[in-house]
Amino acid sequence: MKLRNFVPLIIAFPSVVIGAVAMHLNKISIGIWSQNIVALIISGFISYLFLKEKPKFSKRNSFGFIVPITVILLFLTFLDSGLDGVHRWVSIGPIKLNVASIMLPIFIIELWRILKIFNWWHSMTITIAVSILLALQPDASQTTGFIFPMIILLLSKANKSVIRYSITSLISVIPIISWIFIDSLPPIDYVEEIVLIVKNLGAVWFLIGIGSLALLPLPFIIFPSKNYRLISMCLGLYFIIIIISTLFGNFPVPLMGYGISPIIGYFIAITWLLKVNTKVFKSQA
């Protein structure tokens, strides 16, 4: 067995486990923190299987279903009862899944692929539509995390067009508006304030916890393959924004705080990175 196949699990392990231990020591129900552990194990196993086998995807249809599925799921969040006017989740029985946390990493990858294959306006139109949906949920963190990587990708293909530069610059207004009209949901200690719980365990725990969060975006920044450098950096930027935004609002701390959705989304992204770095998807470059 190659160590490479376990890299996603190795990178995600510290944040999830530190969060789970902190919850356990603070008498949070095992039914809460164990969900993160289960999601870590299942996601790690699926990632291992995917990295182990060579997928048979063609250039044009490998992820063609991602755009419609993501848009449909985002629309479905508005049919969910939500919380105090906030609609970020789709319920499957007792489980609430945060659509943006799961889908946005691979959605950004798919828009990058569309940008390479189809007309520039395809990606721009989809970007604007999804940005508006995210802002309406409302979710300032995910809106910002999505728009700024997309601005970089869109500008990279603007071809010195003044119109394209202007329209791309204008969409930066959307996250600003989302922060002005930020939601008023109160924080949950084991979700949005998990870092404070870890801090209360002691300085060593706190430093390790911060280090584990800082580790999450690093592979995308440090180890992108040549043909995928731009999209890898943009994925890293997405995770950096999601993590930093927790300092300025009541947003879930990814992987460390309670919630299986960020775990799933992260494993999708990091598994993709390892795939392209081993050139399994070389034909798609």
C-alpha atoms as a PDB file:
ATOM      1  CA  MET A   1       0.000   0.000   0.000  1.00  0.00           C
ATOM      2  CA  LYS A   2       1.361   3.408  -1.032  1.00  0.00           C
ATOM      3  CA  LEU A   3       1.610   6.108   1.618  1.00  0.00           C
ATOM      4  CA  ARG A   4       0.328   8.600  -0.974  1.00  0.00           C
ATOM      5  CA  ASN A   5      -3.101   6.969  -0.840  1.00  0.00           C
ATOM      6  CA  PHE A   6      -3.388   7.840   2.850  1.00  0.00           C
ATOM      7  CA  VAL A   7      -2.275  11.479   2.566  1.00  0.00           C
ATOM      8  CA  PRO A   8      -5.841  12.912   2.674  1.00  0.00           C
ATOM      9  CA  LEU A   9      -6.511  10.989   5.876  1.00  0.00           C
ATOM     10  CA  ILE A  10      -3.161  12.012   7.378  1.00  0.00           C
ATOM     11  CA  ILE A  11      -3.718  15.720   6.669  1.00  0.00           C
ATOM     12  CA  ALA A  12      -7.334  15.803   7.873  1.00  0.00           C
ATOM     13  CA  PHE A  13      -6.738  13.577  10.912  1.00  0.00           C
ATOM     14  CA  PRO A  14      -5.232  16.169  13.329  1.00  0.00           C
ATOM     15  CA  SER A  15      -8.012  18.766  13.002  1.00  0.00           C
ATOM     16  CA  VAL A  16     -10.837  16.245  13.274  1.00  0.00           C
ATOM     17  CA  VAL A  17      -9.333  14.321  16.180  1.00  0.00           C
ATOM     18  CA  ILE A  18      -8.310  17.430  18.148  1.00  0.00           C
ATOM     19  CA  GLY A  19     -11.833  18.777  17.752  1.00  0.00           C
ATOM     20  CA  ALA A  20     -13.361  15.466  18.810  1.00  0.00           C
ATOM     21  CA  VAL A  21     -11.100  15.189  21.869  1.00  0.00           C
ATOM     22  CA  ALA A  22     -11.905  18.769  22.878  1.00  0.00           C
ATOM     23  CA  MET A  23     -15.635  18.061  22.577  1.00  0.00           C
ATOM     24  CA  HIS A  24     -15.314  14.861  24.586  1.00  0.00           C
ATOM     25  CA  LEU A  25     -13.357  16.588  27.373  1.00  0.00           C
ATOM     26  CA  ASN A  26     -16.025  19.297  27.514  1.00  0.00           C
ATOM     27  CA  LYS A  27     -18.803  16.734  27.981  1.00  0.00           C
ATOM     28  CA  ILE A  28     -20.253  17.138  24.487  1.00  0.00           C
ATOM     29  CA  SER A  29     -22.376  14.116  23.606  1.00  0.00           C
ATOM     30  CA  ILE A  30     -20.571  11.262  21.877  1.00  0.00           C
ATOM     31  CA  GLY A  31     -23.396  11.329  19.356  1.00  0.00           C
ATOM     32  CA  ILE A  32     -22.091  14.714  18.215  1.00  0.00           C
ATOM     33  CA  TRP A  33     -18.333  14.354  17.922  1.00  0.00           C
ATOM     34  CA  SER A  34     -18.429  10.714  16.813  1.00  0.00           C
ATOM     35  CA  GLN A  35     -20.112  11.836  13.581  1.00  0.00           C
ATOM     36  CA  ASN A  36     -16.926  13.674  12.635  1.00  0.00           C
ATOM     37  CA  ILE A  37     -14.834  10.592  13.368  1.00  0.00           C
ATOM     38  CA  VAL A  38     -17.126   8.384  11.288  1.00  0.00           C
ATOM     39  CA  ALA A  39     -17.077  10.906   8.428  1.00  0.00           C
ATOM     40  CA  LEU A  40     -13.265  11.008   8.632  1.00  0.00           C
ATOM     41  CA  ILE A  41     -12.965   7.223   8.435  1.00  0.00           C
ATOM     42  CA  ILE A  42     -15.498   6.783   5.625  1.00  0.00           C
ATOM     43  CA  SER A  43     -14.129   9.703   3.594  1.00  0.00           C
ATOM     44  CA  GLY A  44     -10.591   8.451   4.114  1.00  0.00           C
ATOM     45  CA  PHE A  45     -11.550   4.958   2.951  1.00  0.00           C
ATOM     46  CA  ILE A  46     -13.335   6.226  -0.165  1.00  0.00           C
ATOM     47  CA  SER A  47     -10.403   8.522  -0.912  1.00  0.00           C
ATOM     48  CA  TYR A  48      -8.014   5.590  -0.563  1.00  0.00           C
ATOM     49  CA  LEU A  49     -10.045   3.489  -2.998  1.00  0.00           C
ATOM     50  CA  PHE A  50     -10.226   6.344  -5.482  1.00  0.00           C
ATOM     51  CA  LEU A  51      -6.488   7.020  -5.307  1.00  0.00           C
ATOM     52  CA  LYS A  52      -5.712   3.336  -5.579  1.00  0.00           C
ATOM     53  CA  GLU A  53      -7.624   2.815  -8.818  1.00  0.00           C
ATOM     54  CA  LYS A  54      -7.191   4.559 -12.145  1.00  0.00           C
ATOM     55  CA  PRO A  55     -10.529   6.161 -13.077  1.00  0.00           C
ATOM     56  CA  LYS A  56     -11.841   6.011 -16.623  1.00  0.00           C
ATOM     57  CA  PHE A  57     -12.954   9.576 -17.195  1.00  0.00           C
ATOM     58  CA  SER A  58     -12.908  11.397 -20.489  1.00  0.00           C
ATOM     59  CA  LYS A  59     -11.957  15.031 -20.805  1.00  0.00           C
ATOM     60  CA  ARG A  60     -15.466  16.350 -21.320  1.00  0.00           C
ATOM     61  CA  ASN A  61     -17.727  14.198 -19.194  1.00  0.00           C
ATOM     62  CA  SER A  62     -15.766  13.339 -16.064  1.00  0.00           C
ATOM     63  CA  PHE A  63     -17.472  15.929 -13.881  1.00  0.00           C
ATOM     64  CA  GLY A  64     -20.184  17.205 -16.233  1.00  0.00           C
ATOM     65  CA  PHE A  65     -22.922  16.500 -13.714  1.00  0.00           C
ATOM     66  CA  ILE A  66     -21.382  18.699 -11.002  1.00  0.00           C
ATOM     67  CA  VAL A  67     -22.806  22.028 -12.178  1.00  0.00           C
ATOM     68  CA  PRO A  68     -26.483  20.999 -12.411  1.00  0.00           C
ATOM     69  CA  ILE A  69     -26.341  18.969  -9.194  1.00  0.00           C
ATOM     70  CA  THR A  70     -24.735  21.835  -7.260  1.00  0.00           C
ATOM     71  CA  VAL A  71     -27.230  24.404  -8.541  1.00  0.00           C
ATOM     72  CA  ILE A  72     -30.184  22.108  -7.793  1.00  0.00           C
ATOM     73  CA  LEU A  73     -28.925  21.390  -4.273  1.00  0.00           C
ATOM     74  CA  LEU A  74     -28.417  25.095  -3.601  1.00  0.00           C
ATOM     75  CA  PHE A  75     -31.992  25.757  -4.704  1.00  0.00           C
ATOM     76  CA  LEU A  76     -33.197  22.937  -2.445  1.00  0.00           C
ATOM     77  CA  THR A  77     -31.689  24.664   0.586  1.00  0.00           C
ATOM     78  CA  PHE A  78     -34.402  27.300   0.245  1.00  0.00           C
ATOM     79  CA  LEU A  79     -37.062  24.586   0.526  1.00  0.00           C
ATOM     80  CA  ASP A  80     -35.572  23.440   3.831  1.00  0.00           C
ATOM     81  CA  SER A  81     -37.043  24.983   6.972  1.00  0.00           C
ATOM     82  CA  GLY A  82     -33.656  26.545   7.780  1.00  0.00           C
ATOM     83  CA  LEU A  83     -32.754  28.350  11.000  1.00  0.00           C
ATOM     84  CA  ASP A  84     -33.917  31.907  11.682  1.00  0.00           C
ATOM     85  CA  GLY A  85     -34.110  32.700   7.985  1.00  0.00           C
ATOM     86  CA  VAL A  86     -30.784  31.027   7.145  1.00  0.00           C
ATOM     87  CA  HIS A  87     -30.966  28.331   4.456  1.00  0.00           C
ATOM     88  CA  ARG A  88     -27.688  26.453   4.007  1.00  0.00           C
ATOM     89  CA  TRP A  89     -28.723  22.855   4.492  1.00  0.00           C
ATOM     90  CA  VAL A  90     -30.443  19.947   2.815  1.00  0.00           C
ATOM     91  CA  SER A  91     -31.891  17.417   5.237  1.00  0.00           C
ATOM     92  CA  ILE A  92     -31.537  13.674   4.727  1.00  0.00           C
ATOM     93  CA  GLY A  93     -33.505  12.195   7.591  1.00  0.00           C
ATOM     94  CA  PRO A  94     -31.961  13.498  10.825  1.00  0.00           C
ATOM     95  CA  ILE A  95     -28.771  14.602   9.044  1.00  0.00           C
ATOM     96  CA  LYS A  96     -28.398  18.175   7.797  1.00  0.00           C
ATOM     97  CA  LEU A  97     -25.825  18.607   5.048  1.00  0.00           C
ATOM     98  CA  ASN A  98     -24.280  21.976   4.246  1.00  0.00           C
ATOM     99  CA  VAL A  99     -24.431  21.996   0.456  1.00  0.00           C
ATOM    100  CA  ALA A 100     -21.796  24.690  -0.076  1.00  0.00           C
ATOM    101  CA  SER A 101     -19.239  23.016   2.201  1.00  0.00           C
ATOM    102  CA  ILE A 102     -19.546  19.755   0.288  1.00  0.00           C
ATOM    103  CA  MET A 103     -19.947  20.950  -3.281  1.00  0.00           C
ATOM    104  CA  LEU A 104     -18.014  24.211  -3.695  1.00  0.00           C
ATOM    105  CA  PRO A 105     -14.483  22.721  -3.846  1.00  0.00           C
ATOM    106  CA  ILE A 106     -15.321  20.362  -6.709  1.00  0.00           C
ATOM    107  CA  PHE A 107     -17.639  23.000  -8.202  1.00  0.00           C
ATOM    108  CA  ILE A 108     -14.706  25.432  -8.456  1.00  0.00           C
ATOM    109  CA  ILE A 109     -12.706  22.682 -10.173  1.00  0.00           C
ATOM    110  CA  GLU A 110     -15.536  22.100 -12.640  1.00  0.00           C
ATOM    111  CA  LEU A 111     -15.893  25.808 -13.459  1.00  0.00           C
ATOM    112  CA  TRP A 112     -12.151  25.913 -14.120  1.00  0.00           C
ATOM    113  CA  ARG A 113     -12.577  22.996 -16.540  1.00  0.00           C
ATOM    114  CA  ILE A 114     -15.507  24.738 -18.239  1.00  0.00           C
ATOM    115  CA  LEU A 115     -13.377  27.870 -18.501  1.00  0.00           C
ATOM    116  CA  LYS A 116     -10.711  25.879 -20.352  1.00  0.00           C
ATOM    117  CA  ILE A 117     -13.085  24.046 -22.682  1.00  0.00           C
ATOM    118  CA  PHE A 118     -16.018  26.370 -23.360  1.00  0.00           C
ATOM    119  CA  ASN A 119     -16.733  30.064 -23.786  1.00  0.00           C
ATOM    120  CA  TRP A 120     -15.612  32.404 -20.974  1.00  0.00           C
ATOM    121  CA  TRP A 121     -19.182  33.597 -20.503  1.00  0.00           C
ATOM    122  CA  HIS A 122     -20.354  30.111 -19.498  1.00  0.00           C
ATOM    123  CA  SER A 123     -18.238  30.189 -16.348  1.00  0.00           C
ATOM    124  CA  MET A 124     -19.020  33.836 -15.647  1.00  0.00           C
ATOM    125  CA  THR A 125     -22.783  33.314 -15.885  1.00  0.00           C
ATOM    126  CA  ILE A 126     -22.683  30.272 -13.610  1.00  0.00           C
ATOM    127  CA  THR A 127     -20.396  32.090 -11.162  1.00  0.00           C
ATOM    128  CA  ILE A 128     -22.776  35.041 -10.866  1.00  0.00           C
ATOM    129  CA  ALA A 129     -25.827  32.794 -10.413  1.00  0.00           C
ATOM    130  CA  VAL A 130     -24.224  30.642  -7.709  1.00  0.00           C
ATOM    131  CA  SER A 131     -22.741  33.680  -5.941  1.00  0.00           C
ATOM    132  CA  ILE A 132     -26.209  35.210  -5.670  1.00  0.00           C
ATOM    133  CA  LEU A 133     -27.646  31.943  -4.307  1.00  0.00           C
ATOM    134  CA  LEU A 134     -24.906  31.762  -1.665  1.00  0.00           C
ATOM    135  CA  ALA A 135     -25.449  35.393  -0.676  1.00  0.00           C
ATOM    136  CA  LEU A 136     -29.197  34.799  -0.370  1.00  0.00           C
ATOM    137  CA  GLN A 137     -28.782  31.790   1.941  1.00  0.00           C
ATOM    138  CA  PRO A 138     -27.100  33.926   3.457  1.00  0.00           C
ATOM    139  CA  ASP A 139     -23.538  32.638   3.898  1.00  0.00           C
ATOM    140  CA  ALA A 140     -20.891  35.352   3.811  1.00  0.00           C
ATOM    141  CA  SER A 141     -18.084  32.865   4.451  1.00  0.00           C
ATOM    142  CA  GLN A 142     -18.881  30.540   1.544  1.00  0.00           C
ATOM    143  CA  THR A 143     -19.821  33.449  -0.722  1.00  0.00           C
ATOM    144  CA  THR A 144     -16.406  35.024  -0.167  1.00  0.00           C
ATOM    145  CA  GLY A 145     -14.596  31.691  -0.359  1.00  0.00           C
ATOM    146  CA  PHE A 146     -16.226  30.970  -3.709  1.00  0.00           C
ATOM    147  CA  ILE A 147     -16.080  34.365  -5.417  1.00  0.00           C
ATOM    148  CA  PHE A 148     -12.448  35.349  -4.891  1.00  0.00           C
ATOM    149  CA  PRO A 149     -10.939  32.115  -6.302  1.00  0.00           C
ATOM    150  CA  MET A 150     -13.372  32.435  -9.217  1.00  0.00           C
ATOM    151  CA  ILE A 151     -12.309  36.048  -9.815  1.00  0.00           C
ATOM    152  CA  ILE A 152      -8.710  34.854 -10.158  1.00  0.00           C
ATOM    153  CA  LEU A 153      -9.720  32.066 -12.551  1.00  0.00           C
ATOM    154  CA  LEU A 154     -11.926  34.345 -14.651  1.00  0.00           C
ATOM    155  CA  LEU A 155      -9.285  37.062 -14.877  1.00  0.00           C
ATOM    156  CA  SER A 156      -6.747  34.472 -16.041  1.00  0.00           C
ATOM    157  CA  LYS A 157      -8.905  33.945 -19.145  1.00  0.00           C
ATOM    158  CA  ALA A 158     -10.116  37.520 -19.633  1.00  0.00           C
ATOM    159  CA  ASN A 159      -7.759  37.949 -22.617  1.00  0.00           C
ATOM    160  CA  LYS A 160      -7.259  41.659 -21.930  1.00  0.00           C
ATOM    161  CA  SER A 161     -10.936  42.350 -22.570  1.00  0.00           C
ATOM    162  CA  VAL A 162     -12.042  45.520 -20.782  1.00  0.00           C
ATOM    163  CA  ILE A 163     -15.618  44.223 -20.599  1.00  0.00           C
ATOM    164  CA  ARG A 164     -14.506  40.944 -19.027  1.00  0.00           C
ATOM    165  CA  TYR A 165     -12.234  42.709 -16.537  1.00  0.00           C
ATOM    166  CA  SER A 166     -15.032  45.092 -15.595  1.00  0.00           C
ATOM    167  CA  ILE A 167     -17.698  42.416 -15.086  1.00  0.00           C
ATOM    168  CA  THR A 168     -15.292  40.215 -13.126  1.00  0.00           C
ATOM    169  CA  SER A 169     -14.404  43.136 -10.871  1.00  0.00           C
ATOM    170  CA  LEU A 170     -18.070  43.944 -10.292  1.00  0.00           C
ATOM    171  CA  ILE A 171     -18.873  40.527  -8.818  1.00  0.00           C
ATOM    172  CA  SER A 172     -16.527  41.342  -5.924  1.00  0.00           C
ATOM    173  CA  VAL A 173     -19.401  43.502  -4.674  1.00  0.00           C
ATOM    174  CA  ILE A 174     -21.448  40.376  -3.864  1.00  0.00           C
ATOM    175  CA  PRO A 175     -19.319  39.191  -0.895  1.00  0.00           C
ATOM    176  CA  ILE A 176     -19.192  42.762   0.418  1.00  0.00           C
ATOM    177  CA  ILE A 177     -22.993  42.849   0.446  1.00  0.00           C
ATOM    178  CA  SER A 178     -23.104  39.404   2.075  1.00  0.00           C
ATOM    179  CA  TRP A 179     -20.935  40.688   4.950  1.00  0.00           C
ATOM    180  CA  ILE A 180     -23.057  43.804   5.358  1.00  0.00           C
ATOM    181  CA  PHE A 181     -26.169  41.658   5.692  1.00  0.00           C
ATOM    182  CA  ILE A 182     -24.495  38.875   7.658  1.00  0.00           C
ATOM    183  CA  ASP A 183     -26.792  36.393   9.399  1.00  0.00           C
ATOM    184  CA  SER A 184     -27.564  36.690  13.105  1.00  0.00           C
ATOM    185  CA  LEU A 185     -27.354  33.013  14.052  1.00  0.00           C
ATOM    186  CA  PRO A 186     -25.845  32.607  17.535  1.00  0.00           C
ATOM    187  CA  PRO A 187     -22.642  30.547  17.787  1.00  0.00           C
ATOM    188  CA  ILE A 188     -22.641  26.950  18.981  1.00  0.00           C
ATOM    189  CA  ASP A 189     -19.643  26.234  21.177  1.00  0.00           C
ATOM    190  CA  TYR A 190     -18.678  22.934  19.528  1.00  0.00           C
ATOM    191  CA  VAL A 191     -19.186  24.271  15.974  1.00  0.00           C
ATOM    192  CA  GLU A 192     -18.224  27.923  15.585  1.00  0.00           C
ATOM    193  CA  GLU A 193     -16.316  28.262  18.874  1.00  0.00           C
ATOM    194  CA  ILE A 194     -14.446  24.959  18.894  1.00  0.00           C
ATOM    195  CA  VAL A 195     -11.091  26.796  18.746  1.00  0.00           C
ATOM    196  CA  LEU A 196     -11.926  28.497  22.049  1.00  0.00           C
ATOM    197  CA  ILE A 197     -12.703  25.099  23.572  1.00  0.00           C
ATOM    198  CA  VAL A 198      -9.329  23.813  22.366  1.00  0.00           C
ATOM    199  CA  LYS A 199      -7.629  26.951  23.707  1.00  0.00           C
ATOM    200  CA  ASN A 200      -9.131  26.329  27.140  1.00  0.00           C
ATOM    201  CA  LEU A 201      -7.400  22.937  27.213  1.00  0.00           C
ATOM    202  CA  GLY A 202      -4.024  24.668  27.365  1.00  0.00           C
ATOM    203  CA  ALA A 203      -1.410  26.433  25.269  1.00  0.00           C
ATOM    204  CA  VAL A 204      -0.009  23.226  23.775  1.00  0.00           C
ATOM    205  CA  TRP A 205      -3.441  22.070  22.649  1.00  0.00           C
ATOM    206  CA  PHE A 206      -4.147  25.502  21.204  1.00  0.00           C
ATOM    207  CA  LEU A 207      -0.904  25.646  19.207  1.00  0.00           C
ATOM    208  CA  ILE A 208      -1.393  22.136  17.857  1.00  0.00           C
ATOM    209  CA  GLY A 209      -4.990  22.968  16.991  1.00  0.00           C
ATOM    210  CA  ILE A 210      -4.042  26.131  15.094  1.00  0.00           C
ATOM    211  CA  GLY A 211      -1.284  24.211  13.347  1.00  0.00           C
ATOM    212  CA  SER A 212      -3.714  21.498  12.274  1.00  0.00           C
ATOM    213  CA  LEU A 213      -6.012  24.107  10.705  1.00  0.00           C
ATOM    214  CA  ALA A 214      -3.087  25.843   8.988  1.00  0.00           C
ATOM    215  CA  LEU A 215      -2.087  22.474   7.531  1.00  0.00           C
ATOM    216  CA  LEU A 216      -5.361  22.056   5.617  1.00  0.00           C
ATOM    217  CA  PRO A 217      -4.758  24.511   2.731  1.00  0.00           C
ATOM    218  CA  LEU A 218      -0.981  23.991   2.537  1.00  0.00           C
ATOM    219  CA  PRO A 219      -0.949  21.019   0.097  1.00  0.00           C
ATOM    220  CA  PHE A 220      -2.848  23.099  -2.472  1.00  0.00           C
ATOM    221  CA  ILE A 221      -0.378  25.973  -2.155  1.00  0.00           C
ATOM    222  CA  ILE A 222       2.876  24.042  -1.881  1.00  0.00           C
ATOM    223  CA  PHE A 223       2.403  20.912  -3.997  1.00  0.00           C
ATOM    224  CA  PRO A 224       0.405  21.784  -7.123  1.00  0.00           C
ATOM    225  CA  SER A 225       1.482  20.051 -10.336  1.00  0.00           C
ATOM    226  CA  LYS A 226       2.589  22.280 -13.208  1.00  0.00           C
ATOM    227  CA  ASN A 227      -0.565  22.044 -15.326  1.00  0.00           C
ATOM    228  CA  TYR A 228      -2.849  22.528 -12.315  1.00  0.00           C
ATOM    229  CA  ARG A 229      -0.988  25.215 -10.410  1.00  0.00           C
ATOM    230  CA  LEU A 230      -3.620  27.940 -10.807  1.00  0.00           C
ATOM    231  CA  ILE A 231      -6.654  25.857  -9.819  1.00  0.00           C
ATOM    232  CA  SER A 232      -4.736  24.251  -6.940  1.00  0.00           C
ATOM    233  CA  MET A 233      -3.783  27.666  -5.580  1.00  0.00           C
ATOM    234  CA  CYS A 234      -7.397  28.794  -5.926  1.00  0.00           C
ATOM    235  CA  LEU A 235      -8.597  25.782  -3.938  1.00  0.00           C
ATOM    236  CA  GLY A 236      -6.037  26.624  -1.276  1.00  0.00           C
ATOM    237  CA  LEU A 237      -7.353  30.191  -1.247  1.00  0.00           C
ATOM    238  CA  TYR A 238     -10.900  28.883  -0.810  1.00  0.00           C
ATOM    239  CA  PHE A 239      -9.947  26.932   2.320  1.00  0.00           C
ATOM    240  CA  ILE A 240      -7.875  29.828   3.681  1.00  0.00           C
ATOM    241  CA  ILE A 241     -10.862  32.162   3.355  1.00  0.00           C
ATOM    242  CA  ILE A 242     -13.217  29.646   4.983  1.00  0.00           C
ATOM    243  CA  ILE A 243     -10.847  29.250   7.940  1.00  0.00           C
ATOM    244  CA  ILE A 244     -10.073  32.961   8.362  1.00  0.00           C
ATOM    245  CA  SER A 245     -13.737  33.973   8.070  1.00  0.00           C
ATOM    246  CA  THR A 246     -14.421  32.161  11.348  1.00  0.00           C
ATOM    247  CA  LEU A 247     -12.535  34.995  13.054  1.00  0.00           C
ATOM    248  CA  PHE A 248     -15.033  37.579  11.818  1.00  0.00           C
ATOM    249  CA  GLY A 249     -18.376  35.832  12.103  1.00  0.00           C
ATOM    250  CA  ASN A 250     -20.195  32.839  13.514  1.00  0.00           C
ATOM    251  CA  PHE A 251     -19.133  30.325  10.889  1.00  0.00           C
ATOM    252  CA  PRO A 252     -18.288  26.629  11.385  1.00  0.00           C
ATOM    253  CA  VAL A 253     -14.613  25.879  11.893  1.00  0.00           C
ATOM    254  CA  PRO A 254     -13.950  23.313   9.143  1.00  0.00           C
ATOM    255  CA  LEU A 255     -13.053  19.759  10.212  1.00  0.00           C
ATOM    256  CA  MET A 256     -12.318  20.718  13.810  1.00  0.00           C
ATOM    257  CA  GLY A 257     -15.842  21.856  14.638  1.00  0.00           C
ATOM    258  CA  TYR A 258     -18.885  19.619  14.490  1.00  0.00           C
ATOM    259  CA  GLY A 259     -20.127  19.022  10.957  1.00  0.00           C
ATOM    260  CA  ILE A 260     -19.517  16.257   8.441  1.00  0.00           C
ATOM    261  CA  SER A 261     -20.043  18.459   5.369  1.00  0.00           C
ATOM    262  CA  PRO A 262     -16.670  20.295   5.498  1.00  0.00           C
ATOM    263  CA  ILE A 263     -14.939  16.939   5.974  1.00  0.00           C
ATOM    264  CA  ILE A 264     -16.544  15.532   2.830  1.00  0.00           C
ATOM    265  CA  GLY A 265     -15.778  18.666   0.812  1.00  0.00           C
ATOM    266  CA  TYR A 266     -12.156  18.712   1.933  1.00  0.00           C
ATOM    267  CA  PHE A 267     -11.587  15.063   1.082  1.00  0.00           C
ATOM    268  CA  ILE A 268     -13.005  15.631  -2.396  1.00  0.00           C
ATOM    269  CA  ALA A 269     -10.566  18.489  -2.999  1.00  0.00           C
ATOM    270  CA  ILE A 270      -7.440  16.900  -1.526  1.00  0.00           C
ATOM    271  CA  THR A 271      -8.107  13.611  -3.315  1.00  0.00           C
ATOM    272  CA  TRP A 272      -8.418  15.472  -6.606  1.00  0.00           C
ATOM    273  CA  LEU A 273      -5.103  17.241  -5.927  1.00  0.00           C
ATOM    274  CA  LEU A 274      -3.299  13.957  -5.351  1.00  0.00           C
ATOM    275  CA  LYS A 275      -4.828  12.484  -8.492  1.00  0.00           C
ATOM    276  CA  VAL A 276      -3.603  15.264 -10.742  1.00  0.00           C
ATOM    277  CA  ASN A 277      -0.213  15.322  -9.039  1.00  0.00           C
ATOM    278  CA  THR A 278       0.296  11.673  -9.923  1.00  0.00           C
ATOM    279  CA  LYS A 279      -0.749  12.506 -13.497  1.00  0.00           C
ATOM    280  CA  VAL A 280      -3.607  10.027 -13.548  1.00  0.00           C
ATOM    281  CA  PHE A 281      -5.659  12.814 -15.115  1.00  0.00           C
ATOM    282  CA  LYS A 282      -2.845  13.902 -17.410  1.00  0.00           C
ATOM    283  CA  SER A 283      -5.022  13.513 -20.503  1.00  0.00           C
ATOM    284  CA  GLN A 284      -7.387  16.161 -19.131  1.00  0.00           C
ATOM    285  CA  ALA A 285      -4.724  18.855 -18.764  1.00  0.00           C
END
